Each structure stands twice: as structure tokens, then as C-alpha cells.
Amino acid sequence: MHILVSMARAKKAVPSAHGEKKTQYQFMLTPSASEMLDQLAEAAGITRSECMERLIRTADFLKIKEFDIKEIEAS
């Protein structure tokens, strides 16, 4: 005899620590960037999603604008 018990799931999209509800988005990363994201999230004890949120909110946009992929590829 099998008994199926249905439990209510926690509500999604509740306001986060940032004061907004989160929305699902899709984007692409290289495998190495994905691994780096996993490592950062694990080290901080947070989810990949929260890690991305914090990285974006703390980004130095001047450095991003100056970033040159050719310099990285040459090293």
C-alpha cells in the first residue's frame, strides 16, 4: 500500500533581501565561467542565483567597460 502525501511548497518570488521579487531569466556562460560561479557561490554559502545578484550589485562598471578579452586570451 502506497500513501501519497501532498505538502504545500514554499511560495516563490517573495521579496528578497533586495526588496524585490526575483524573476527567472535565462543566459549563457562558458563552462569555465559556470564553474567559477559555482565555486564563488559555494565559498559564500549562497545559491548561484544569489551569487549573481551580489556580483551584479557590487560590480565595478568602469573595470567592466575597460575589460579586454584579448588580454585574457593572450595570457
PDB file of N, CA and C in Angstrom:
ATOM      1  N   MET A   1       0.838  -1.182   0.000  1.00  0.00           N
ATOM      2  CA  MET A   1       0.000   0.000   0.000  1.00  0.00           C
ATOM      3  C   MET A   1       0.881   1.242   0.000  1.00  0.00           C
ATOM      4  N   HIS A   2       0.597   2.167  -0.901  1.00  0.00           N
ATOM      5  CA  HIS A   2       1.349   3.410  -1.009  1.00  0.00           C
ATOM      6  C   HIS A   2       0.456   4.574  -0.631  1.00  0.00           C
ATOM      7  N   ILE A   3       1.006   5.477   0.125  1.00  0.00           N
ATOM      8  CA  ILE A   3       0.272   6.673   0.507  1.00  0.00           C
ATOM      9  C   ILE A   3       1.019   7.878  -0.049  1.00  0.00           C
ATOM     10  N   LEU A   4       0.320   8.698  -0.778  1.00  0.00           N
ATOM     11  CA  LEU A   4       0.902   9.909  -1.342  1.00  0.00           C
ATOM     12  C   LEU A   4       0.468  11.087  -0.488  1.00  0.00           C
ATOM     13  N   VAL A   5       1.443  11.786   0.029  1.00  0.00           N
ATOM     14  CA  VAL A   5       1.155  12.937   0.864  1.00  0.00           C
ATOM     15  C   VAL A   5       1.591  14.183   0.099  1.00  0.00           C
ATOM     16  N   SER A   6       0.680  15.079  -0.091  1.00  0.00           N
ATOM     17  CA  SER A   6       0.974  16.317  -0.789  1.00  0.00           C
ATOM     18  C   SER A   6       1.216  17.422   0.226  1.00  0.00           C
ATOM     19  N   MET A   7       2.368  18.060   0.092  1.00  0.00           N
ATOM     20  CA  MET A   7       2.693  19.148   1.018  1.00  0.00           C
ATOM     21  C   MET A   7       2.788  20.443   0.220  1.00  0.00           C
ATOM     22  N   ALA A   8       2.332  21.491   0.794  1.00  0.00           N
ATOM     23  CA  ALA A   8       2.396  22.790   0.133  1.00  0.00           C
ATOM     24  C   ALA A   8       3.846  23.237   0.025  1.00  0.00           C
ATOM     25  N   ARG A   9       4.194  23.762  -1.137  1.00  0.00           N
ATOM     26  CA  ARG A   9       5.537  24.277  -1.342  1.00  0.00           C
ATOM     27  C   ARG A   9       5.613  25.705  -0.823  1.00  0.00           C
ATOM     28  N   ALA A  10       6.808  26.082  -0.458  1.00  0.00           N
ATOM     29  CA  ALA A  10       7.019  27.470  -0.053  1.00  0.00           C
ATOM     30  C   ALA A  10       6.730  28.364  -1.256  1.00  0.00           C
ATOM     31  N   LYS A  11       6.144  29.506  -0.989  1.00  0.00           N
ATOM     32  CA  LYS A  11       5.837  30.431  -2.075  1.00  0.00           C
ATOM     33  C   LYS A  11       7.126  30.938  -2.697  1.00  0.00           C
ATOM     34  N   LYS A  12       7.118  31.026  -4.018  1.00  0.00           N
ATOM     35  CA  LYS A  12       8.261  31.570  -4.736  1.00  0.00           C
ATOM     36  C   LYS A  12       8.053  33.061  -4.952  1.00  0.00           C
ATOM     37  N   ALA A  13       9.100  33.688  -5.355  1.00  0.00           N
ATOM     38  CA  ALA A  13       9.077  35.106  -5.722  1.00  0.00           C
ATOM     39  C   ALA A  13       8.608  36.011  -4.592  1.00  0.00           C
ATOM     40  N   VAL A  14       9.077  35.699  -3.397  1.00  0.00           N
ATOM     41  CA  VAL A  14       8.789  36.605  -2.284  1.00  0.00           C
ATOM     42  C   VAL A  14       9.870  37.680  -2.281  1.00  0.00           C
ATOM     43  N   PRO A  15       9.582  38.840  -1.778  1.00  0.00           N
ATOM     44  CA  PRO A  15      10.599  39.880  -1.759  1.00  0.00           C
ATOM     45  C   PRO A  15      11.870  39.383  -1.070  1.00  0.00           C
ATOM     46  N   SER A  16      12.991  39.616  -1.711  1.00  0.00           N
ATOM     47  CA  SER A  16      14.264  39.163  -1.175  1.00  0.00           C
ATOM     48  C   SER A  16      14.865  40.232  -0.285  1.00  0.00           C
ATOM     49  N   ALA A  17      16.089  39.990   0.110  1.00  0.00           N
ATOM     50  CA  ALA A  17      16.804  40.977   0.916  1.00  0.00           C
ATOM     51  C   ALA A  17      16.996  42.278   0.146  1.00  0.00           C
ATOM     52  N   HIS A  18      16.804  42.215  -1.156  1.00  0.00           N
ATOM     53  CA  HIS A  18      16.991  43.391  -2.001  1.00  0.00           C
ATOM     54  C   HIS A  18      15.688  44.171  -2.197  1.00  0.00           C
ATOM     55  N   GLY A  19      14.615  43.719  -1.570  1.00  0.00           N
ATOM     56  CA  GLY A  19      13.352  44.447  -1.610  1.00  0.00           C
ATOM     57  C   GLY A  19      12.512  44.237  -2.856  1.00  0.00           C
ATOM     58  N   GLU A  20      12.876  43.260  -3.674  1.00  0.00           N
ATOM     59  CA  GLU A  20      12.120  42.986  -4.892  1.00  0.00           C
ATOM     60  C   GLU A  20      11.887  41.488  -5.014  1.00  0.00           C
ATOM     61  N   LYS A  21      10.849  41.128  -5.745  1.00  0.00           N
ATOM     62  CA  LYS A  21      10.629  39.727  -6.056  1.00  0.00           C
ATOM     63  C   LYS A  21      11.580  39.329  -7.172  1.00  0.00           C
ATOM     64  N   LYS A  22      12.115  38.120  -7.074  1.00  0.00           N
ATOM     65  CA  LYS A  22      13.011  37.646  -8.124  1.00  0.00           C
ATOM     66  C   LYS A  22      12.210  37.058  -9.274  1.00  0.00           C
ATOM     67  N   THR A  23      12.718  37.233 -10.469  1.00  0.00           N
ATOM     68  CA  THR A  23      12.118  36.723 -11.686  1.00  0.00           C
ATOM     69  C   THR A  23      13.135  35.832 -12.380  1.00  0.00           C
ATOM     70  N   GLN A  24      12.677  34.774 -12.986  1.00  0.00           N
ATOM     71  CA  GLN A  24      13.571  33.850 -13.664  1.00  0.00           C
ATOM     72  C   GLN A  24      14.016  34.410 -15.015  1.00  0.00           C
ATOM     73  N   TYR A  25      15.322  34.307 -15.273  1.00  0.00           N
ATOM     74  CA  TYR A  25      15.911  34.713 -16.544  1.00  0.00           C
ATOM     75  C   TYR A  25      16.809  33.592 -17.034  1.00  0.00           C
ATOM     76  N   GLN A  26      17.089  33.597 -18.308  1.00  0.00           N
ATOM     77  CA  GLN A  26      17.982  32.600 -18.872  1.00  0.00           C
ATOM     78  C   GLN A  26      19.124  33.309 -19.574  1.00  0.00           C
ATOM     79  N   PHE A  27      20.357  32.841 -19.345  1.00  0.00           N
ATOM     80  CA  PHE A  27      21.511  33.404 -20.018  1.00  0.00           C
ATOM     81  C   PHE A  27      22.546  32.307 -20.178  1.00  0.00           C
ATOM     82  N   MET A  28      23.542  32.582 -20.985  1.00  0.00           N
ATOM     83  CA  MET A  28      24.551  31.576 -21.286  1.00  0.00           C
ATOM     84  C   MET A  28      25.904  31.985 -20.710  1.00  0.00           C
ATOM     85  N   LEU A  29      26.664  30.984 -20.238  1.00  0.00           N
ATOM     86  CA  LEU A  29      28.017  31.177 -19.733  1.00  0.00           C
ATOM     87  C   LEU A  29      28.922  30.129 -20.354  1.00  0.00           C
ATOM     88  N   THR A  30      30.200  30.430 -20.415  1.00  0.00           N
ATOM     89  CA  THR A  30      31.142  29.399 -20.811  1.00  0.00           C
ATOM     90  C   THR A  30      31.240  28.386 -19.671  1.00  0.00           C
ATOM     91  N   PRO A  31      31.669  27.171 -19.955  1.00  0.00           N
ATOM     92  CA  PRO A  31      31.815  26.182 -18.878  1.00  0.00           C
ATOM     93  C   PRO A  31      32.751  26.655 -17.757  1.00  0.00           C
ATOM     94  N   SER A  32      33.829  27.340 -18.119  1.00  0.00           N
ATOM     95  CA  SER A  32      34.751  27.795 -17.075  1.00  0.00           C
ATOM     96  C   SER A  32      34.124  28.894 -16.212  1.00  0.00           C
ATOM     97  N   ALA A  33      33.352  29.787 -16.801  1.00  0.00           N
ATOM     98  CA  ALA A  33      32.674  30.827 -16.021  1.00  0.00           C
ATOM     99  C   ALA A  33      31.611  30.204 -15.114  1.00  0.00           C
ATOM    100  N   SER A  34      30.924  29.180 -15.604  1.00  0.00           N
ATOM    101  CA  SER A  34      29.922  28.488 -14.792  1.00  0.00           C
ATOM    102  C   SER A  34      30.576  27.820 -13.582  1.00  0.00           C
ATOM    103  N   GLU A  35      31.735  27.209 -13.805  1.00  0.00           N
ATOM    104  CA  GLU A  35      32.469  26.575 -12.706  1.00  0.00           C
ATOM    105  C   GLU A  35      32.931  27.615 -11.695  1.00  0.00           C
ATOM    106  N   MET A  36      33.378  28.756 -12.189  1.00  0.00           N
ATOM    107  CA  MET A  36      33.803  29.833 -11.292  1.00  0.00           C
ATOM    108  C   MET A  36      32.624  30.342 -10.465  1.00  0.00           C
ATOM    109  N   LEU A  37      31.467  30.457 -11.096  1.00  0.00           N
ATOM    110  CA  LEU A  37      30.259  30.879 -10.384  1.00  0.00           C
ATOM    111  C   LEU A  37      29.911  29.869  -9.288  1.00  0.00           C
ATOM    112  N   ASP A  38      29.986  28.582  -9.616  1.00  0.00           N
ATOM    113  CA  ASP A  38      29.733  27.534  -8.621  1.00  0.00           C
ATOM    114  C   ASP A  38      30.693  27.652  -7.440  1.00  0.00           C
ATOM    115  N   GLN A  39      31.963  27.872  -7.728  1.00  0.00           N
ATOM    116  CA  GLN A  39      32.970  27.982  -6.666  1.00  0.00           C
ATOM    117  C   GLN A  39      32.720  29.199  -5.789  1.00  0.00           C
ATOM    118  N   LEU A  40      32.390  30.320  -6.408  1.00  0.00           N
ATOM    119  CA  LEU A  40      32.103  31.535  -5.636  1.00  0.00           C
ATOM    120  C   LEU A  40      30.880  31.336  -4.738  1.00  0.00           C
ATOM    121  N   ALA A  41      29.824  30.767  -5.310  1.00  0.00           N
ATOM    122  CA  ALA A  41      28.590  30.551  -4.550  1.00  0.00           C
ATOM    123  C   ALA A  41      28.829  29.592  -3.386  1.00  0.00           C
ATOM    124  N   GLU A  42      29.564  28.514  -3.659  1.00  0.00           N
ATOM    125  CA  GLU A  42      29.837  27.536  -2.599  1.00  0.00           C
ATOM    126  C   GLU A  42      30.674  28.163  -1.489  1.00  0.00           C
ATOM    127  N   ALA A  43      31.692  28.916  -1.853  1.00  0.00           N
ATOM    128  CA  ALA A  43      32.553  29.557  -0.855  1.00  0.00           C
ATOM    129  C   ALA A  43      31.781  30.544   0.011  1.00  0.00           C
ATOM    130  N   ALA A  44      30.792  31.213  -0.587  1.00  0.00           N
ATOM    131  CA  ALA A  44      29.990  32.194   0.152  1.00  0.00           C
ATOM    132  C   ALA A  44      28.806  31.552   0.866  1.00  0.00           C
ATOM    133  N   GLY A  45      28.535  30.277   0.559  1.00  0.00           N
ATOM    134  CA  GLY A  45      27.404  29.593   1.189  1.00  0.00           C
ATOM    135  C   GLY A  45      26.060  30.099   0.696  1.00  0.00           C
ATOM    136  N   ILE A  46      26.019  30.500  -0.579  1.00  0.00           N
ATOM    137  CA  ILE A  46      24.786  31.025  -1.158  1.00  0.00           C
ATOM    138  C   ILE A  46      24.494  30.304  -2.471  1.00  0.00           C
ATOM    139  N   THR A  47      23.321  30.535  -3.021  1.00  0.00           N
ATOM    140  CA  THR A  47      22.942  29.914  -4.292  1.00  0.00           C
ATOM    141  C   THR A  47      23.637  30.633  -5.442  1.00  0.00           C
ATOM    142  N   ARG A  48      23.650  29.965  -6.603  1.00  0.00           N
ATOM    143  CA  ARG A  48      24.199  30.590  -7.806  1.00  0.00           C
ATOM    144  C   ARG A  48      23.440  31.879  -8.119  1.00  0.00           C
ATOM    145  N   SER A  49      22.129  31.832  -7.966  1.00  0.00           N
ATOM    146  CA  SER A  49      21.289  32.991  -8.248  1.00  0.00           C
ATOM    147  C   SER A  49      21.660  34.171  -7.354  1.00  0.00           C
ATOM    148  N   GLU A  50      21.800  33.915  -6.065  1.00  0.00           N
ATOM    149  CA  GLU A  50      22.145  34.990  -5.136  1.00  0.00           C
ATOM    150  C   GLU A  50      23.564  35.478  -5.397  1.00  0.00           C
ATOM    151  N   CYS A  51      24.452  34.582  -5.785  1.00  0.00           N
ATOM    152  CA  CYS A  51      25.815  34.976  -6.117  1.00  0.00           C
ATOM    153  C   CYS A  51      25.820  35.941  -7.297  1.00  0.00           C
ATOM    154  N   MET A  52      25.044  35.623  -8.338  1.00  0.00           N
ATOM    155  CA  MET A  52      24.943  36.518  -9.492  1.00  0.00           C
ATOM    156  C   MET A  52      24.374  37.872  -9.071  1.00  0.00           C
ATOM    157  N   GLU A  53      23.354  37.855  -8.244  1.00  0.00           N
ATOM    158  CA  GLU A  53      22.729  39.097  -7.758  1.00  0.00           C
ATOM    159  C   GLU A  53      23.772  39.979  -7.070  1.00  0.00           C
ATOM    160  N   ARG A  54      24.543  39.369  -6.180  1.00  0.00           N
ATOM    161  CA  ARG A  54      25.534  40.140  -5.429  1.00  0.00           C
ATOM    162  C   ARG A  54      26.678  40.626  -6.317  1.00  0.00           C
ATOM    163  N   LEU A  55      27.111  39.785  -7.264  1.00  0.00           N
ATOM    164  CA  LEU A  55      28.165  40.202  -8.183  1.00  0.00           C
ATOM    165  C   LEU A  55      27.724  41.404  -9.009  1.00  0.00           C
ATOM    166  N   ILE A  56      26.508  41.364  -9.497  1.00  0.00           N
ATOM    167  CA  ILE A  56      25.994  42.469 -10.309  1.00  0.00           C
ATOM    168  C   ILE A  56      25.856  43.734  -9.476  1.00  0.00           C
ATOM    169  N   ARG A  57      25.331  43.588  -8.272  1.00  0.00           N
ATOM    170  CA  ARG A  57      25.114  44.764  -7.421  1.00  0.00           C
ATOM    171  C   ARG A  57      26.414  45.380  -6.926  1.00  0.00           C
ATOM    172  N   THR A  58      27.496  44.612  -6.903  1.00  0.00           N
ATOM    173  CA  THR A  58      28.769  45.136  -6.415  1.00  0.00           C
ATOM    174  C   THR A  58      29.785  45.336  -7.542  1.00  0.00           C
ATOM    175  N   ALA A  59      29.350  45.212  -8.784  1.00  0.00           N
ATOM    176  CA  ALA A  59      30.256  45.293  -9.929  1.00  0.00           C
ATOM    177  C   ALA A  59      30.886  46.672 -10.061  1.00  0.00           C
ATOM    178  N   ASP A  60      32.114  46.660 -10.483  1.00  0.00           N
ATOM    179  CA  ASP A  60      32.817  47.899 -10.801  1.00  0.00           C
ATOM    180  C   ASP A  60      32.668  48.110 -12.304  1.00  0.00           C
ATOM    181  N   PHE A  61      31.692  48.904 -12.688  1.00  0.00           N
ATOM    182  CA  PHE A  61      31.351  49.051 -14.094  1.00  0.00           C
ATOM    183  C   PHE A  61      32.451  49.718 -14.916  1.00  0.00           C
ATOM    184  N   LEU A  62      33.313  50.498 -14.282  1.00  0.00           N
ATOM    185  CA  LEU A  62      34.435  51.071 -15.022  1.00  0.00           C
ATOM    186  C   LEU A  62      35.391  49.970 -15.457  1.00  0.00           C
ATOM    187  N   LYS A  63      35.637  49.000 -14.581  1.00  0.00           N
ATOM    188  CA  LYS A  63      36.510  47.882 -14.941  1.00  0.00           C
ATOM    189  C   LYS A  63      35.865  47.015 -16.016  1.00  0.00           C
ATOM    190  N   ILE A  64      34.565  46.836 -15.950  1.00  0.00           N
ATOM    191  CA  ILE A  64      33.872  46.035 -16.955  1.00  0.00           C
ATOM    192  C   ILE A  64      34.002  46.700 -18.313  1.00  0.00           C
ATOM    193  N   LYS A  65      33.847  47.999 -18.349  1.00  0.00           N
ATOM    194  CA  LYS A  65      33.936  48.734 -19.609  1.00  0.00           C
ATOM    195  C   LYS A  65      35.339  48.635 -20.202  1.00  0.00           C
ATOM    196  N   GLU A  66      36.361  48.606 -19.347  1.00  0.00           N
ATOM    197  CA  GLU A  66      37.748  48.545 -19.789  1.00  0.00           C
ATOM    198  C   GLU A  66      38.228  47.115 -20.059  1.00  0.00           C
ATOM    199  N   PHE A  67      37.464  46.126 -19.679  1.00  0.00           N
ATOM    200  CA  PHE A  67      37.858  44.725 -19.826  1.00  0.00           C
ATOM    201  C   PHE A  67      38.142  44.409 -21.276  1.00  0.00           C
ATOM    202  N   ASP A  68      39.298  43.799 -21.516  1.00  0.00           N
ATOM    203  CA  ASP A  68      39.696  43.452 -22.874  1.00  0.00           C
ATOM    204  C   ASP A  68      39.924  41.945 -22.934  1.00  0.00           C
ATOM    205  N   ILE A  69      39.055  41.231 -23.605  1.00  0.00           N
ATOM    206  CA  ILE A  69      39.149  39.778 -23.693  1.00  0.00           C
ATOM    207  C   ILE A  69      40.452  39.344 -24.357  1.00  0.00           C
ATOM    208  N   LYS A  70      40.997  40.147 -25.244  1.00  0.00           N
ATOM    209  CA  LYS A  70      42.245  39.784 -25.927  1.00  0.00           C
ATOM    210  C   LYS A  70      43.406  39.689 -24.946  1.00  0.00           C
ATOM    211  N   GLU A  71      43.420  40.545 -23.918  1.00  0.00           N
ATOM    212  CA  GLU A  71      44.467  40.472 -22.905  1.00  0.00           C
ATOM    213  C   GLU A  71      44.382  39.181 -22.112  1.00  0.00           C
ATOM    214  N   ILE A  72      43.172  38.729 -21.821  1.00  0.00           N
ATOM    215  CA  ILE A  72      42.966  37.490 -21.065  1.00  0.00           C
ATOM    216  C   ILE A  72      43.394  36.297 -21.918  1.00  0.00           C
ATOM    217  N   GLU A  73      42.998  36.293 -23.175  1.00  0.00           N
ATOM    218  CA  GLU A  73      43.308  35.180 -24.071  1.00  0.00           C
ATOM    219  C   GLU A  73      44.806  35.077 -24.347  1.00  0.00           C
ATOM    220  N   ALA A  74      45.527  36.199 -24.307  1.00  0.00           N
ATOM    221  CA  ALA A  74      46.960  36.196 -24.574  1.00  0.00           C
ATOM    222  C   ALA A  74      47.761  35.615 -23.415  1.00  0.00           C
ATOM    223  N   SER A  75      47.223  35.647 -22.228  1.00  0.00           N
ATOM    224  CA  SER A  75      47.968  35.151 -21.060  1.00  0.00           C
ATOM    225  C   SER A  75      47.767  33.684 -20.811  1.00  0.00           C
TER     226      SER A  75
END
